[in-house]
Amino acid sequence: MRARDAWLCFVDEAGQLLRPPWARTWSRRGRPPVLRVRTAGAARLSLAGMVCRKPGRRTRLIYRMLVHRGRAGEKKGFREKDFAELLDAAHQQLGGNIVLVWDNYTHHVDAAMRELIGRRSWLTVFRLPPYAPDLNPAEGVWAHLKRSLANLAPYGIDGLAAVVRNRLKRMQYRPDLLDGFIAQTGLITTPP
């Protein structure tokens, strides 16, 4: 990585429905808390994020969000073209070569993605084992985000998208938190 003067980027995807993640909460004795949630329809968010690190630079979080309203013909997740756009945006924002580490998700290993990767001379890709969420710092981003969404009952998908965007934006300005996600994996032990 240092020889190439490259950013080390860990990528992962996540999704969020209108139904909030379960969490413990407080209430008055004898009055169990009740959270009313509108979950009608198939609306959901798809998220793709990159935790990027380079020695001597602050750790960065780059993400993209797709809002699915459950309409007929609407794409339901990130495809090869969307991943390529995320990689191109990261290359432009980071201003250098990228060493990409991601899992063996179907859209990461198919022929179309291999072709898109092959056209980018500034990109080197390494794959994680088939199921290794403990090795990917981006999993920490999603866990932190979902804990912050616990017991949140947004009225609609646009409200949820606004809250998620706000929480991810806050994480972008906390490189110490992102460094913590990286340290939790045990992959990198030197300080940034």
N, C-alpha and C. Protein backbone atom coordinates (compact mmCIF):
# COMPACT_ATOMS: atom_id res chain seq x y z
N MET A 1 0.82 -1.18 0.00
CA MET A 1 0.00 0.00 0.00
C MET A 1 0.87 1.25 0.00
N ARG A 2 1.91 1.29 0.85
CA ARG A 2 2.77 2.48 0.89
C ARG A 2 3.56 2.62 -0.40
N ALA A 3 4.01 1.48 -0.96
CA ALA A 3 4.78 1.54 -2.20
C ALA A 3 3.94 2.11 -3.33
N ARG A 4 2.66 1.85 -3.32
CA ARG A 4 1.76 2.36 -4.36
C ARG A 4 1.22 3.74 -4.03
N ASP A 5 1.49 4.23 -2.81
CA ASP A 5 0.91 5.48 -2.34
C ASP A 5 -0.61 5.44 -2.51
N ALA A 6 -1.22 4.37 -1.99
CA ALA A 6 -2.64 4.13 -2.21
C ALA A 6 -3.44 4.21 -0.92
N TRP A 7 -4.72 4.46 -1.07
CA TRP A 7 -5.67 4.41 0.01
C TRP A 7 -6.13 2.96 0.16
N LEU A 8 -6.25 2.49 1.38
CA LEU A 8 -6.81 1.18 1.66
C LEU A 8 -8.28 1.39 1.99
N CYS A 9 -9.16 0.82 1.16
CA CYS A 9 -10.60 1.05 1.31
C CYS A 9 -11.33 -0.27 1.51
N PHE A 10 -12.14 -0.32 2.55
CA PHE A 10 -12.98 -1.47 2.85
C PHE A 10 -14.41 -1.12 2.46
N VAL A 11 -15.05 -1.99 1.69
CA VAL A 11 -16.39 -1.71 1.17
C VAL A 11 -17.38 -2.74 1.69
N ASP A 12 -18.61 -2.28 1.95
CA ASP A 12 -19.69 -3.18 2.33
C ASP A 12 -21.02 -2.51 2.02
N GLU A 13 -22.06 -3.33 1.96
CA GLU A 13 -23.41 -2.84 1.71
C GLU A 13 -24.30 -3.18 2.89
N ALA A 14 -25.37 -2.41 3.02
CA ALA A 14 -26.37 -2.66 4.07
C ALA A 14 -27.72 -2.17 3.56
N GLY A 15 -28.74 -2.54 4.25
CA GLY A 15 -30.09 -2.09 3.92
C GLY A 15 -30.84 -1.74 5.18
N GLN A 16 -31.88 -0.93 5.02
CA GLN A 16 -32.70 -0.55 6.16
C GLN A 16 -34.14 -0.41 5.72
N LEU A 17 -35.03 -1.06 6.43
CA LEU A 17 -36.46 -0.95 6.19
C LEU A 17 -37.04 0.13 7.09
N LEU A 18 -38.32 0.42 6.91
CA LEU A 18 -38.97 1.38 7.79
C LEU A 18 -39.12 0.84 9.20
N ARG A 19 -39.18 -0.47 9.35
CA ARG A 19 -39.27 -1.06 10.69
C ARG A 19 -37.93 -0.87 11.40
N PRO A 20 -37.93 -0.25 12.57
CA PRO A 20 -36.66 0.03 13.25
C PRO A 20 -36.05 -1.22 13.86
N PRO A 21 -34.73 -1.20 14.04
CA PRO A 21 -34.09 -2.32 14.76
C PRO A 21 -34.57 -2.33 16.21
N TRP A 22 -34.63 -3.50 16.80
CA TRP A 22 -35.04 -3.62 18.20
C TRP A 22 -33.95 -3.10 19.13
N ALA A 23 -34.39 -2.49 20.21
CA ALA A 23 -33.44 -2.02 21.22
C ALA A 23 -34.17 -1.92 22.56
N ARG A 24 -33.41 -1.94 23.62
CA ARG A 24 -33.98 -1.76 24.94
C ARG A 24 -34.25 -0.28 25.16
N THR A 25 -35.22 -0.01 26.01
CA THR A 25 -35.54 1.36 26.33
C THR A 25 -36.09 1.44 27.75
N TRP A 26 -36.32 2.62 28.22
CA TRP A 26 -36.85 2.85 29.56
C TRP A 26 -38.29 3.30 29.45
N SER A 27 -39.05 3.01 30.49
CA SER A 27 -40.41 3.53 30.58
C SER A 27 -40.82 3.54 32.04
N ARG A 28 -41.96 4.10 32.30
CA ARG A 28 -42.48 4.11 33.67
C ARG A 28 -42.88 2.71 34.05
N ARG A 29 -42.73 2.39 35.30
CA ARG A 29 -43.07 1.06 35.81
C ARG A 29 -44.55 0.76 35.52
N GLY A 30 -44.77 -0.43 34.97
CA GLY A 30 -46.13 -0.86 34.68
C GLY A 30 -46.68 -0.37 33.36
N ARG A 31 -45.91 0.41 32.64
CA ARG A 31 -46.36 0.93 31.34
C ARG A 31 -45.32 0.58 30.28
N PRO A 32 -45.47 -0.56 29.65
CA PRO A 32 -44.48 -0.93 28.63
C PRO A 32 -44.49 0.06 27.47
N PRO A 33 -43.31 0.41 26.98
CA PRO A 33 -43.27 1.37 25.87
C PRO A 33 -43.84 0.75 24.59
N VAL A 34 -44.58 1.53 23.86
CA VAL A 34 -45.17 1.07 22.60
C VAL A 34 -44.71 2.01 21.51
N LEU A 35 -44.15 1.45 20.46
CA LEU A 35 -43.68 2.23 19.33
C LEU A 35 -44.51 1.84 18.12
N ARG A 36 -45.29 2.77 17.62
CA ARG A 36 -46.13 2.49 16.46
C ARG A 36 -45.35 2.79 15.19
N VAL A 37 -45.33 1.81 14.29
CA VAL A 37 -44.53 1.92 13.08
C VAL A 37 -45.40 1.67 11.87
N ARG A 38 -45.27 2.52 10.86
CA ARG A 38 -45.96 2.30 9.59
C ARG A 38 -45.01 1.56 8.67
N THR A 39 -45.30 0.31 8.38
CA THR A 39 -44.40 -0.47 7.53
C THR A 39 -45.10 -0.95 6.27
N ALA A 40 -46.17 -0.31 5.90
CA ALA A 40 -46.88 -0.72 4.70
C ALA A 40 -46.01 -0.46 3.48
N GLY A 41 -46.05 -1.36 2.53
CA GLY A 41 -45.29 -1.20 1.30
C GLY A 41 -43.93 -1.85 1.38
N ALA A 42 -43.21 -1.74 0.30
CA ALA A 42 -41.90 -2.40 0.19
C ALA A 42 -40.77 -1.38 0.15
N ALA A 43 -40.98 -0.20 0.71
CA ALA A 43 -39.96 0.84 0.69
C ALA A 43 -38.79 0.45 1.59
N ARG A 44 -37.57 0.75 1.10
CA ARG A 44 -36.37 0.46 1.88
C ARG A 44 -35.20 1.27 1.34
N LEU A 45 -34.12 1.30 2.11
CA LEU A 45 -32.89 1.97 1.70
C LEU A 45 -31.83 0.92 1.44
N SER A 46 -31.03 1.15 0.41
CA SER A 46 -29.83 0.35 0.18
C SER A 46 -28.64 1.29 0.33
N LEU A 47 -27.64 0.84 1.09
CA LEU A 47 -26.47 1.66 1.38
C LEU A 47 -25.21 0.93 0.96
N ALA A 48 -24.26 1.66 0.42
CA ALA A 48 -22.93 1.13 0.13
C ALA A 48 -21.94 2.14 0.69
N GLY A 49 -20.96 1.64 1.44
CA GLY A 49 -20.02 2.55 2.07
C GLY A 49 -18.60 2.04 2.02
N MET A 50 -17.68 2.98 2.07
CA MET A 50 -16.24 2.68 2.05
C MET A 50 -15.58 3.38 3.22
N VAL A 51 -14.84 2.61 4.01
CA VAL A 51 -13.98 3.18 5.04
C VAL A 51 -12.58 3.20 4.45
N CYS A 52 -12.01 4.39 4.28
CA CYS A 52 -10.75 4.57 3.55
C CYS A 52 -9.67 5.12 4.48
N ARG A 53 -8.51 4.49 4.41
CA ARG A 53 -7.40 4.87 5.28
C ARG A 53 -6.10 4.96 4.49
N LYS A 54 -5.31 5.97 4.83
CA LYS A 54 -3.99 6.13 4.24
C LYS A 54 -3.08 6.70 5.31
N PRO A 55 -1.87 6.16 5.49
CA PRO A 55 -0.96 6.68 6.51
C PRO A 55 -0.71 8.18 6.31
N GLY A 56 -0.81 8.92 7.41
CA GLY A 56 -0.58 10.36 7.36
C GLY A 56 -1.79 11.18 6.99
N ARG A 57 -2.91 10.54 6.69
CA ARG A 57 -4.15 11.24 6.32
C ARG A 57 -5.26 10.81 7.26
N ARG A 58 -6.29 11.64 7.39
CA ARG A 58 -7.41 11.25 8.24
C ARG A 58 -8.24 10.18 7.55
N THR A 59 -8.81 9.29 8.32
CA THR A 59 -9.65 8.22 7.79
C THR A 59 -10.95 8.81 7.26
N ARG A 60 -11.40 8.30 6.14
CA ARG A 60 -12.57 8.86 5.46
C ARG A 60 -13.68 7.83 5.33
N LEU A 61 -14.92 8.30 5.29
CA LEU A 61 -16.09 7.48 5.00
C LEU A 61 -16.76 8.06 3.76
N ILE A 62 -16.91 7.21 2.75
CA ILE A 62 -17.58 7.61 1.51
C ILE A 62 -18.75 6.65 1.34
N TYR A 63 -19.93 7.17 1.07
CA TYR A 63 -21.10 6.30 0.97
C TYR A 63 -22.04 6.77 -0.13
N ARG A 64 -22.91 5.88 -0.54
CA ARG A 64 -23.99 6.17 -1.47
C ARG A 64 -25.24 5.50 -0.96
N MET A 65 -26.39 6.11 -1.24
CA MET A 65 -27.67 5.58 -0.79
C MET A 65 -28.63 5.51 -1.96
N LEU A 66 -29.37 4.41 -2.04
CA LEU A 66 -30.45 4.27 -3.00
C LEU A 66 -31.75 4.14 -2.23
N VAL A 67 -32.76 4.90 -2.61
CA VAL A 67 -34.07 4.85 -1.96
C VAL A 67 -35.00 4.05 -2.87
N HIS A 68 -35.57 2.99 -2.32
CA HIS A 68 -36.52 2.15 -3.05
C HIS A 68 -37.91 2.43 -2.51
N ARG A 69 -38.78 2.86 -3.37
CA ARG A 69 -40.13 3.17 -2.94
C ARG A 69 -41.10 2.02 -3.19
N GLY A 70 -40.61 0.90 -3.72
CA GLY A 70 -41.46 -0.26 -3.95
C GLY A 70 -42.27 -0.19 -5.23
N ARG A 71 -41.85 0.63 -6.15
CA ARG A 71 -42.57 0.77 -7.42
C ARG A 71 -42.14 -0.31 -8.40
N ALA A 72 -43.02 -0.66 -9.30
CA ALA A 72 -42.72 -1.68 -10.30
C ALA A 72 -41.59 -1.20 -11.21
N GLY A 73 -40.65 -2.09 -11.51
CA GLY A 73 -39.55 -1.78 -12.40
C GLY A 73 -38.39 -1.04 -11.74
N GLU A 74 -38.52 -0.70 -10.50
CA GLU A 74 -37.46 0.02 -9.79
C GLU A 74 -36.37 -0.96 -9.38
N LYS A 75 -35.09 -0.60 -9.58
CA LYS A 75 -34.03 -1.52 -9.18
C LYS A 75 -33.98 -1.59 -7.66
N LYS A 76 -33.65 -2.79 -7.17
CA LYS A 76 -33.78 -3.05 -5.74
C LYS A 76 -32.47 -3.09 -4.99
N GLY A 77 -31.38 -2.73 -5.63
CA GLY A 77 -30.11 -2.74 -4.92
C GLY A 77 -29.00 -2.22 -5.82
N PHE A 78 -27.81 -2.20 -5.29
CA PHE A 78 -26.65 -1.75 -6.03
C PHE A 78 -26.26 -2.79 -7.07
N ARG A 79 -25.99 -2.33 -8.26
CA ARG A 79 -25.53 -3.20 -9.35
C ARG A 79 -24.11 -2.78 -9.72
N GLU A 80 -23.56 -3.45 -10.70
CA GLU A 80 -22.17 -3.22 -11.09
C GLU A 80 -21.92 -1.75 -11.44
N LYS A 81 -22.83 -1.15 -12.19
CA LYS A 81 -22.66 0.25 -12.59
C LYS A 81 -22.65 1.18 -11.36
N ASP A 82 -23.49 0.88 -10.39
CA ASP A 82 -23.54 1.69 -9.17
C ASP A 82 -22.23 1.57 -8.37
N PHE A 83 -21.70 0.35 -8.28
CA PHE A 83 -20.42 0.16 -7.59
C PHE A 83 -19.30 0.89 -8.34
N ALA A 84 -19.33 0.85 -9.67
CA ALA A 84 -18.30 1.54 -10.45
C ALA A 84 -18.38 3.05 -10.22
N GLU A 85 -19.59 3.60 -10.14
CA GLU A 85 -19.75 5.03 -9.87
C GLU A 85 -19.25 5.39 -8.47
N LEU A 86 -19.49 4.51 -7.49
CA LEU A 86 -18.97 4.74 -6.15
C LEU A 86 -17.45 4.73 -6.15
N LEU A 87 -16.85 3.78 -6.85
CA LEU A 87 -15.39 3.70 -6.93
C LEU A 87 -14.81 4.93 -7.63
N ASP A 88 -15.44 5.37 -8.71
CA ASP A 88 -14.96 6.55 -9.42
C ASP A 88 -15.06 7.80 -8.54
N ALA A 89 -16.16 7.93 -7.80
CA ALA A 89 -16.31 9.07 -6.90
C ALA A 89 -15.26 9.03 -5.80
N ALA A 90 -14.99 7.84 -5.26
CA ALA A 90 -13.97 7.71 -4.22
C ALA A 90 -12.60 8.07 -4.78
N HIS A 91 -12.30 7.62 -5.99
CA HIS A 91 -11.01 7.95 -6.61
C HIS A 91 -10.87 9.46 -6.77
N GLN A 92 -11.93 10.12 -7.18
CA GLN A 92 -11.89 11.56 -7.37
C GLN A 92 -11.76 12.28 -6.02
N GLN A 93 -12.50 11.84 -4.99
CA GLN A 93 -12.44 12.51 -3.69
C GLN A 93 -11.11 12.27 -2.98
N LEU A 94 -10.59 11.05 -3.08
CA LEU A 94 -9.35 10.72 -2.38
C LEU A 94 -8.12 11.18 -3.13
N GLY A 95 -8.23 11.28 -4.45
CA GLY A 95 -7.13 11.79 -5.25
C GLY A 95 -5.92 10.88 -5.32
N GLY A 96 -6.15 9.59 -5.46
CA GLY A 96 -5.02 8.68 -5.55
C GLY A 96 -5.44 7.27 -5.86
N ASN A 97 -4.45 6.38 -5.88
CA ASN A 97 -4.72 4.96 -6.12
C ASN A 97 -5.52 4.38 -4.96
N ILE A 98 -6.25 3.31 -5.25
CA ILE A 98 -7.08 2.65 -4.24
C ILE A 98 -6.78 1.17 -4.22
N VAL A 99 -6.56 0.64 -3.02
CA VAL A 99 -6.51 -0.80 -2.79
C VAL A 99 -7.83 -1.13 -2.13
N LEU A 100 -8.67 -1.86 -2.83
CA LEU A 100 -10.04 -2.14 -2.40
C LEU A 100 -10.12 -3.52 -1.78
N VAL A 101 -10.77 -3.61 -0.63
CA VAL A 101 -10.99 -4.88 0.05
C VAL A 101 -12.49 -5.04 0.22
N TRP A 102 -13.05 -6.11 -0.37
CA TRP A 102 -14.48 -6.35 -0.20
C TRP A 102 -14.78 -7.83 -0.22
N ASP A 103 -16.03 -8.15 0.08
CA ASP A 103 -16.44 -9.55 0.22
C ASP A 103 -16.74 -10.17 -1.14
N ASN A 104 -17.21 -11.40 -1.13
CA ASN A 104 -17.50 -12.13 -2.36
C ASN A 104 -18.97 -12.06 -2.75
N TYR A 105 -19.59 -10.92 -2.54
CA TYR A 105 -20.98 -10.71 -2.95
C TYR A 105 -21.09 -10.95 -4.45
N THR A 106 -22.20 -11.48 -4.90
CA THR A 106 -22.40 -11.87 -6.30
C THR A 106 -22.02 -10.78 -7.29
N HIS A 107 -22.44 -9.55 -7.03
CA HIS A 107 -22.17 -8.46 -7.96
C HIS A 107 -20.73 -7.97 -7.90
N HIS A 108 -19.94 -8.45 -6.93
CA HIS A 108 -18.53 -8.07 -6.85
C HIS A 108 -17.64 -8.99 -7.68
N VAL A 109 -18.10 -10.19 -7.96
CA VAL A 109 -17.24 -11.18 -8.60
C VAL A 109 -17.69 -11.57 -10.01
N ASP A 110 -18.80 -11.03 -10.50
CA ASP A 110 -19.26 -11.45 -11.82
C ASP A 110 -18.44 -10.81 -12.94
N ALA A 111 -18.66 -11.26 -14.15
CA ALA A 111 -17.86 -10.82 -15.30
C ALA A 111 -17.96 -9.32 -15.55
N ALA A 112 -19.16 -8.76 -15.40
CA ALA A 112 -19.34 -7.32 -15.64
C ALA A 112 -18.49 -6.49 -14.67
N MET A 113 -18.45 -6.91 -13.41
CA MET A 113 -17.64 -6.16 -12.43
C MET A 113 -16.16 -6.34 -12.69
N ARG A 114 -15.74 -7.54 -13.06
CA ARG A 114 -14.32 -7.76 -13.38
C ARG A 114 -13.90 -6.88 -14.55
N GLU A 115 -14.77 -6.71 -15.52
CA GLU A 115 -14.47 -5.84 -16.66
C GLU A 115 -14.35 -4.38 -16.22
N LEU A 116 -15.28 -3.93 -15.38
CA LEU A 116 -15.23 -2.55 -14.88
C LEU A 116 -13.98 -2.30 -14.05
N ILE A 117 -13.57 -3.28 -13.25
CA ILE A 117 -12.35 -3.15 -12.45
C ILE A 117 -11.12 -3.11 -13.35
N GLY A 118 -11.11 -3.95 -14.39
CA GLY A 118 -9.98 -4.02 -15.30
C GLY A 118 -9.72 -2.71 -16.04
N ARG A 119 -10.75 -1.88 -16.22
CA ARG A 119 -10.59 -0.60 -16.92
C ARG A 119 -10.02 0.50 -16.04
N ARG A 120 -9.84 0.22 -14.75
CA ARG A 120 -9.35 1.24 -13.82
C ARG A 120 -7.95 0.88 -13.36
N SER A 121 -6.96 1.54 -13.94
CA SER A 121 -5.56 1.22 -13.64
C SER A 121 -5.17 1.62 -12.22
N TRP A 122 -5.91 2.51 -11.61
CA TRP A 122 -5.62 3.00 -10.27
C TRP A 122 -6.21 2.11 -9.17
N LEU A 123 -6.87 1.02 -9.57
CA LEU A 123 -7.60 0.17 -8.62
C LEU A 123 -6.99 -1.22 -8.52
N THR A 124 -6.73 -1.67 -7.29
CA THR A 124 -6.30 -3.04 -7.02
C THR A 124 -7.32 -3.63 -6.05
N VAL A 125 -7.78 -4.86 -6.32
CA VAL A 125 -8.85 -5.46 -5.52
C VAL A 125 -8.35 -6.71 -4.80
N PHE A 126 -8.68 -6.80 -3.51
CA PHE A 126 -8.47 -8.01 -2.72
C PHE A 126 -9.82 -8.41 -2.14
N ARG A 127 -10.02 -9.71 -2.01
CA ARG A 127 -11.29 -10.22 -1.52
C ARG A 127 -11.15 -10.78 -0.11
N LEU A 128 -12.16 -10.54 0.69
CA LEU A 128 -12.24 -11.13 2.01
C LEU A 128 -12.74 -12.57 1.86
N PRO A 129 -12.57 -13.40 2.88
CA PRO A 129 -13.16 -14.74 2.84
C PRO A 129 -14.68 -14.64 2.68
N PRO A 130 -15.33 -15.74 2.27
CA PRO A 130 -16.77 -15.70 1.97
C PRO A 130 -17.65 -15.05 3.05
N TYR A 131 -17.44 -15.36 4.30
CA TYR A 131 -18.22 -14.70 5.35
C TYR A 131 -17.27 -14.28 6.46
N ALA A 132 -16.90 -13.01 6.47
CA ALA A 132 -15.96 -12.51 7.47
C ALA A 132 -16.32 -11.08 7.87
N PRO A 133 -17.50 -10.87 8.47
CA PRO A 133 -17.86 -9.50 8.85
C PRO A 133 -16.95 -8.91 9.90
N ASP A 134 -16.27 -9.75 10.69
CA ASP A 134 -15.37 -9.24 11.72
C ASP A 134 -14.08 -8.68 11.14
N LEU A 135 -13.82 -8.89 9.85
CA LEU A 135 -12.62 -8.36 9.20
C LEU A 135 -12.88 -7.09 8.40
N ASN A 136 -14.12 -6.64 8.35
CA ASN A 136 -14.47 -5.49 7.53
C ASN A 136 -14.91 -4.32 8.41
N PRO A 137 -14.12 -3.23 8.46
CA PRO A 137 -14.50 -2.07 9.27
C PRO A 137 -15.82 -1.42 8.85
N ALA A 138 -16.22 -1.59 7.58
CA ALA A 138 -17.50 -1.02 7.14
C ALA A 138 -18.66 -1.66 7.88
N GLU A 139 -18.51 -2.89 8.34
CA GLU A 139 -19.56 -3.53 9.15
C GLU A 139 -19.77 -2.76 10.44
N GLY A 140 -18.69 -2.20 11.00
CA GLY A 140 -18.81 -1.37 12.20
C GLY A 140 -19.62 -0.11 11.94
N VAL A 141 -19.47 0.46 10.75
CA VAL A 141 -20.25 1.64 10.37
C VAL A 141 -21.74 1.30 10.40
N TRP A 142 -22.09 0.16 9.79
CA TRP A 142 -23.51 -0.21 9.72
C TRP A 142 -24.06 -0.55 11.11
N ALA A 143 -23.26 -1.23 11.93
CA ALA A 143 -23.71 -1.55 13.29
C ALA A 143 -23.95 -0.28 14.10
N HIS A 144 -23.03 0.68 13.98
CA HIS A 144 -23.16 1.95 14.70
C HIS A 144 -24.40 2.70 14.21
N LEU A 145 -24.61 2.72 12.89
CA LEU A 145 -25.77 3.40 12.31
C LEU A 145 -27.06 2.76 12.81
N LYS A 146 -27.15 1.45 12.77
CA LYS A 146 -28.39 0.78 13.15
C LYS A 146 -28.68 0.92 14.65
N ARG A 147 -27.63 0.98 15.48
CA ARG A 147 -27.87 1.25 16.90
C ARG A 147 -28.47 2.64 17.08
N SER A 148 -28.04 3.60 16.26
CA SER A 148 -28.57 4.95 16.39
C SER A 148 -29.99 5.07 15.85
N LEU A 149 -30.41 4.09 15.05
CA LEU A 149 -31.78 4.11 14.50
C LEU A 149 -32.76 3.32 15.37
N ALA A 150 -32.26 2.68 16.42
CA ALA A 150 -33.12 1.85 17.27
C ALA A 150 -34.25 2.68 17.85
N ASN A 151 -35.44 2.12 17.81
CA ASN A 151 -36.66 2.73 18.33
C ASN A 151 -37.04 4.02 17.62
N LEU A 152 -36.51 4.26 16.43
CA LEU A 152 -36.90 5.40 15.62
C LEU A 152 -38.07 4.97 14.73
N ALA A 153 -39.11 5.74 14.69
CA ALA A 153 -40.28 5.40 13.87
C ALA A 153 -40.53 6.52 12.86
N PRO A 154 -39.81 6.51 11.73
CA PRO A 154 -40.03 7.55 10.74
C PRO A 154 -41.39 7.38 10.07
N TYR A 155 -41.95 8.47 9.60
CA TYR A 155 -43.27 8.43 8.97
C TYR A 155 -43.22 7.81 7.59
N GLY A 156 -42.14 8.03 6.87
CA GLY A 156 -42.02 7.50 5.52
C GLY A 156 -40.56 7.27 5.15
N ILE A 157 -40.36 6.76 3.95
CA ILE A 157 -39.00 6.41 3.52
C ILE A 157 -38.14 7.66 3.34
N ASP A 158 -38.74 8.77 2.96
CA ASP A 158 -37.95 10.00 2.81
C ASP A 158 -37.44 10.51 4.16
N GLY A 159 -38.26 10.37 5.20
CA GLY A 159 -37.82 10.75 6.54
C GLY A 159 -36.69 9.86 7.04
N LEU A 160 -36.81 8.56 6.76
CA LEU A 160 -35.75 7.62 7.14
C LEU A 160 -34.47 7.95 6.39
N ALA A 161 -34.58 8.25 5.09
CA ALA A 161 -33.40 8.59 4.29
C ALA A 161 -32.71 9.84 4.84
N ALA A 162 -33.48 10.82 5.25
CA ALA A 162 -32.91 12.04 5.81
C ALA A 162 -32.16 11.76 7.10
N VAL A 163 -32.73 10.93 7.98
CA VAL A 163 -32.07 10.60 9.24
C VAL A 163 -30.80 9.81 8.99
N VAL A 164 -30.86 8.82 8.10
CA VAL A 164 -29.67 8.01 7.79
C VAL A 164 -28.57 8.87 7.20
N ARG A 165 -28.93 9.76 6.27
CA ARG A 165 -27.94 10.65 5.67
C ARG A 165 -27.29 11.53 6.74
N ASN A 166 -28.09 12.03 7.67
CA ASN A 166 -27.57 12.86 8.76
C ASN A 166 -26.60 12.08 9.64
N ARG A 167 -26.95 10.85 10.01
CA ARG A 167 -26.10 10.04 10.88
C ARG A 167 -24.80 9.66 10.19
N LEU A 168 -24.87 9.33 8.89
CA LEU A 168 -23.65 9.00 8.16
C LEU A 168 -22.77 10.23 7.99
N LYS A 169 -23.37 11.38 7.78
CA LYS A 169 -22.61 12.63 7.66
C LYS A 169 -21.87 12.93 8.96
N ARG A 170 -22.52 12.68 10.10
CA ARG A 170 -21.85 12.86 11.39
C ARG A 170 -20.63 11.95 11.51
N MET A 171 -20.78 10.70 11.05
CA MET A 171 -19.65 9.76 11.13
C MET A 171 -18.50 10.21 10.24
N GLN A 172 -18.80 10.87 9.12
CA GLN A 172 -17.74 11.35 8.23
C GLN A 172 -16.83 12.34 8.93
N TYR A 173 -17.36 13.08 9.89
CA TYR A 173 -16.58 14.09 10.60
C TYR A 173 -15.98 13.56 11.90
N ARG A 174 -15.98 12.23 12.07
CA ARG A 174 -15.38 11.62 13.25
C ARG A 174 -14.36 10.56 12.84
N PRO A 175 -13.18 10.98 12.37
CA PRO A 175 -12.18 10.01 11.95
C PRO A 175 -11.73 9.09 13.09
N ASP A 176 -11.81 9.57 14.33
CA ASP A 176 -11.46 8.71 15.46
C ASP A 176 -12.42 7.53 15.58
N LEU A 177 -13.69 7.74 15.31
CA LEU A 177 -14.67 6.66 15.32
C LEU A 177 -14.37 5.66 14.21
N LEU A 178 -14.06 6.16 13.01
CA LEU A 178 -13.72 5.29 11.88
C LEU A 178 -12.44 4.51 12.18
N ASP A 179 -11.45 5.15 12.82
CA ASP A 179 -10.23 4.45 13.21
C ASP A 179 -10.55 3.34 14.20
N GLY A 180 -11.53 3.56 15.06
CA GLY A 180 -11.95 2.54 16.00
C GLY A 180 -12.54 1.33 15.31
N PHE A 181 -13.31 1.57 14.24
CA PHE A 181 -13.86 0.44 13.48
C PHE A 181 -12.74 -0.38 12.84
N ILE A 182 -11.70 0.32 12.37
CA ILE A 182 -10.56 -0.38 11.77
C ILE A 182 -9.79 -1.15 12.84
N ALA A 183 -9.56 -0.51 13.98
CA ALA A 183 -8.81 -1.18 15.06
C ALA A 183 -9.56 -2.40 15.57
N GLN A 184 -10.88 -2.35 15.56
CA GLN A 184 -11.68 -3.46 16.05
C GLN A 184 -11.46 -4.73 15.22
N THR A 185 -11.10 -4.57 13.96
CA THR A 185 -10.84 -5.75 13.11
C THR A 185 -9.51 -6.40 13.43
N GLY A 186 -8.56 -5.64 13.97
CA GLY A 186 -7.24 -6.16 14.25
C GLY A 186 -6.36 -6.27 13.03
N LEU A 187 -6.80 -5.74 11.88
CA LEU A 187 -6.03 -5.83 10.65
C LEU A 187 -4.90 -4.82 10.60
N ILE A 188 -5.11 -3.64 11.12
CA ILE A 188 -4.11 -2.57 11.06
C ILE A 188 -3.83 -2.13 12.49
N THR A 189 -2.58 -2.18 12.87
CA THR A 189 -2.24 -1.82 14.25
C THR A 189 -1.48 -0.51 14.37
N THR A 190 -0.95 0.01 13.28
CA THR A 190 -0.20 1.26 13.36
C THR A 190 -1.16 2.44 13.38
N PRO A 191 -0.83 3.52 14.10
CA PRO A 191 -1.71 4.68 14.13
C PRO A 191 -1.74 5.34 12.76
N PRO A 192 -2.84 6.02 12.43
CA PRO A 192 -2.97 6.67 11.12
C PRO A 192 -2.00 7.81 10.93
